[in-house]
Amino acid sequence: MNVRSLTWIGILVVLIVVGFLFSRPQGGRPDIPDDPQAHEALELVRSHPARNDPTLEDAINRYVEELKAQGTSLHRGEWQVGKERDGVYAVRTLVREKGFNEWIEREFAWRVTLKDKTVRVISLAAIHFMPFHELPPLPHQDQISGIFMEFPPEMRPG
């Protein structure tokens, strides 16, 4: 072999090793800043009551298990916490599932206010796990319900 061939083989080996190092899982550690309040925000979300499960974490785990039982290929990301401002954190986790033609990514995200220990849903996917009484009102809900209640007598059902 000549020097040129050995150089290309060396480059290929380095690329394979680097690709392997960046593609392997990160050891199952959540992506949380080194901040005690960030850890508190994460625990508030994980232990928050869910609509049909004891906690939000249980609800996400059940969702992932149901996908696996259906034979759906998926990847569950680790919990991530980001500071929005003093005492307010965004907590999220991602689930990527193999759809019919491509991958579908669902972000389950909540905003935590530590002052009053509130957990508010901030992503569409997470709405399905929150108890009904904790969901935000629909936009213009008061106007919509008023429109439906003001039918002329000839248009009223029944």
Protein backbone atom coordinates (compact mmCIF):
# COMPACT_ATOMS: atom_id res chain seq x y z
CA MET A 1 0.00 0.00 0.00
CA ASN A 2 1.12 3.48 -0.70
CA VAL A 3 0.98 6.51 1.58
CA ARG A 4 -2.10 7.93 -0.12
CA SER A 5 -4.13 4.76 0.53
CA LEU A 6 -3.02 4.65 4.17
CA THR A 7 -4.00 8.31 4.59
CA TRP A 8 -7.52 7.69 3.25
CA ILE A 9 -7.92 4.63 5.46
CA GLY A 10 -6.78 6.66 8.48
CA ILE A 11 -9.26 9.43 7.69
CA LEU A 12 -12.05 6.89 7.30
CA VAL A 13 -11.23 5.27 10.66
CA VAL A 14 -11.18 8.68 12.40
CA LEU A 15 -14.57 9.59 10.88
CA ILE A 16 -16.07 6.29 12.00
CA VAL A 17 -14.78 6.70 15.55
CA VAL A 18 -15.98 10.32 15.78
CA GLY A 19 -19.38 9.35 14.36
CA PHE A 20 -19.69 6.56 16.91
CA LEU A 21 -18.81 8.86 19.81
CA PHE A 22 -21.40 11.47 18.79
CA SER A 23 -24.18 8.97 18.02
CA ARG A 24 -24.14 6.98 21.25
CA PRO A 25 -26.56 7.83 24.07
CA GLN A 26 -25.40 10.36 26.62
CA GLY A 27 -25.64 7.99 29.59
CA GLY A 28 -29.26 8.65 30.48
CA ARG A 29 -28.58 11.88 32.34
CA PRO A 30 -31.17 14.63 32.05
CA ASP A 31 -29.98 17.91 30.54
CA ILE A 32 -30.34 20.13 33.61
CA PRO A 33 -28.32 23.20 34.53
CA ASP A 34 -26.29 22.98 37.73
CA ASP A 35 -28.97 24.89 39.60
CA PRO A 36 -31.00 23.56 42.55
CA GLN A 37 -34.08 25.43 41.31
CA ALA A 38 -33.84 23.69 37.93
CA HIS A 39 -33.86 20.33 39.70
CA GLU A 40 -36.86 21.44 41.75
CA ALA A 41 -38.70 22.48 38.57
CA LEU A 42 -38.00 19.09 37.00
CA GLU A 43 -39.31 17.25 40.05
CA LEU A 44 -42.45 19.39 40.12
CA VAL A 45 -43.21 18.39 36.53
CA ARG A 46 -42.32 14.72 36.91
CA SER A 47 -44.46 14.33 40.04
CA HIS A 48 -47.36 16.53 38.89
CA PRO A 49 -50.68 14.65 38.69
CA ALA A 50 -51.68 13.62 35.18
CA ARG A 51 -55.14 13.19 33.69
CA ASN A 52 -55.17 9.36 33.58
CA ASP A 53 -52.03 8.46 35.52
CA PRO A 54 -50.61 9.23 38.96
CA THR A 55 -47.91 11.57 37.54
CA LEU A 56 -46.89 13.22 34.29
CA GLU A 57 -43.81 11.01 34.15
CA ASP A 58 -46.01 7.91 34.48
CA ALA A 59 -48.23 9.22 31.66
CA ILE A 60 -45.26 9.69 29.32
CA ASN A 61 -43.85 6.29 30.25
CA ARG A 62 -47.23 4.67 29.54
CA TYR A 63 -47.41 6.49 26.18
CA VAL A 64 -43.95 5.19 25.24
CA GLU A 65 -44.82 1.65 26.35
CA GLU A 66 -48.01 1.71 24.25
CA LEU A 67 -45.99 2.76 21.20
CA LYS A 68 -43.51 -0.05 21.83
CA ALA A 69 -46.36 -2.56 22.24
CA GLN A 70 -47.67 -1.49 18.81
CA GLY A 71 -44.22 -2.16 17.35
CA THR A 72 -43.53 1.52 16.64
CA SER A 73 -39.87 2.46 16.40
CA LEU A 74 -39.15 5.36 18.72
CA HIS A 75 -36.57 7.36 20.59
CA ARG A 76 -37.32 8.96 23.94
CA GLY A 77 -35.18 11.95 24.77
CA GLU A 78 -33.99 12.90 28.22
CA TRP A 79 -35.63 15.56 30.34
CA GLN A 80 -34.39 19.08 29.61
CA VAL A 81 -34.73 22.15 31.81
CA GLY A 82 -34.13 25.73 30.73
CA LYS A 83 -34.31 28.89 32.81
CA GLU A 84 -36.67 31.46 31.31
CA ARG A 85 -36.24 34.09 34.06
CA ASP A 86 -35.75 34.15 37.83
CA GLY A 87 -37.92 31.44 39.35
CA VAL A 88 -39.47 30.36 36.02
CA TYR A 89 -38.27 27.29 34.13
CA ALA A 90 -39.31 25.41 31.01
CA VAL A 91 -39.20 21.62 31.37
CA ARG A 92 -39.54 19.32 28.37
CA THR A 93 -38.92 15.90 26.95
CA LEU A 94 -39.13 14.71 23.36
CA VAL A 95 -40.49 11.49 21.91
CA ARG A 96 -39.67 10.72 18.28
CA GLU A 97 -41.74 7.98 16.71
CA LYS A 98 -41.54 6.41 13.30
CA GLY A 99 -44.59 7.42 11.29
CA PHE A 100 -45.77 6.02 7.99
CA ASN A 101 -43.29 7.96 5.84
CA GLU A 102 -41.10 9.88 8.27
CA TRP A 103 -40.34 10.50 11.93
CA ILE A 104 -42.81 12.41 14.10
CA GLU A 105 -41.43 14.46 16.97
CA ARG A 106 -43.66 15.23 19.94
CA GLU A 107 -42.49 17.77 22.47
CA PHE A 108 -44.01 17.50 25.93
CA ALA A 109 -43.30 20.84 27.63
CA TRP A 110 -44.39 22.71 30.74
CA ARG A 111 -43.58 26.05 32.36
CA VAL A 112 -42.89 25.93 36.09
CA THR A 113 -43.17 28.94 38.37
CA LEU A 114 -41.35 28.11 41.58
CA LYS A 115 -42.80 30.99 43.63
CA ASP A 116 -46.27 29.41 43.68
CA LYS A 117 -45.20 25.90 42.56
CA THR A 118 -47.42 25.98 39.45
CA VAL A 119 -47.00 23.75 36.41
CA ARG A 120 -48.56 25.07 33.18
CA VAL A 121 -48.69 23.24 29.87
CA ILE A 122 -46.92 25.00 26.97
CA SER A 123 -46.95 22.40 24.20
CA LEU A 124 -49.78 20.85 22.25
CA ALA A 125 -48.64 17.27 22.90
CA ALA A 126 -48.51 17.82 26.67
CA ILE A 127 -52.13 18.97 26.77
CA HIS A 128 -53.26 15.33 26.47
CA PHE A 129 -51.66 14.47 29.82
CA MET A 130 -52.80 17.43 31.90
CA PRO A 131 -55.91 17.23 34.07
CA PHE A 132 -58.85 19.01 32.43
CA HIS A 133 -59.19 21.60 35.20
CA GLU A 134 -55.58 22.73 34.60
CA LEU A 135 -55.85 23.33 30.86
CA PRO A 136 -55.72 26.91 29.63
CA PRO A 137 -58.97 28.36 28.28
CA LEU A 138 -59.54 28.28 24.56
CA PRO A 139 -58.88 31.55 22.74
CA HIS A 140 -62.06 33.64 22.68
CA GLN A 141 -63.89 30.89 24.61
CA ASP A 142 -66.30 33.36 26.21
CA GLN A 143 -67.26 34.75 22.79
CA ILE A 144 -67.62 31.32 21.19
CA SER A 145 -69.93 29.92 23.86
CA GLY A 146 -72.01 33.10 23.71
CA ILE A 147 -72.48 32.78 19.95
CA PHE A 148 -73.76 29.23 20.22
CA MET A 149 -76.19 30.13 22.97
CA GLU A 150 -77.80 32.98 21.00
CA PHE A 151 -79.57 31.00 18.30
CA PRO A 152 -82.75 32.54 16.89
CA PRO A 153 -85.82 30.50 17.97
CA GLU A 154 -86.22 28.94 14.51
CA MET A 155 -82.61 27.64 14.53
CA ARG A 156 -82.56 26.20 18.05
CA PRO A 157 -82.09 22.44 18.20
CA GLY A 158 -84.94 20.24 19.35
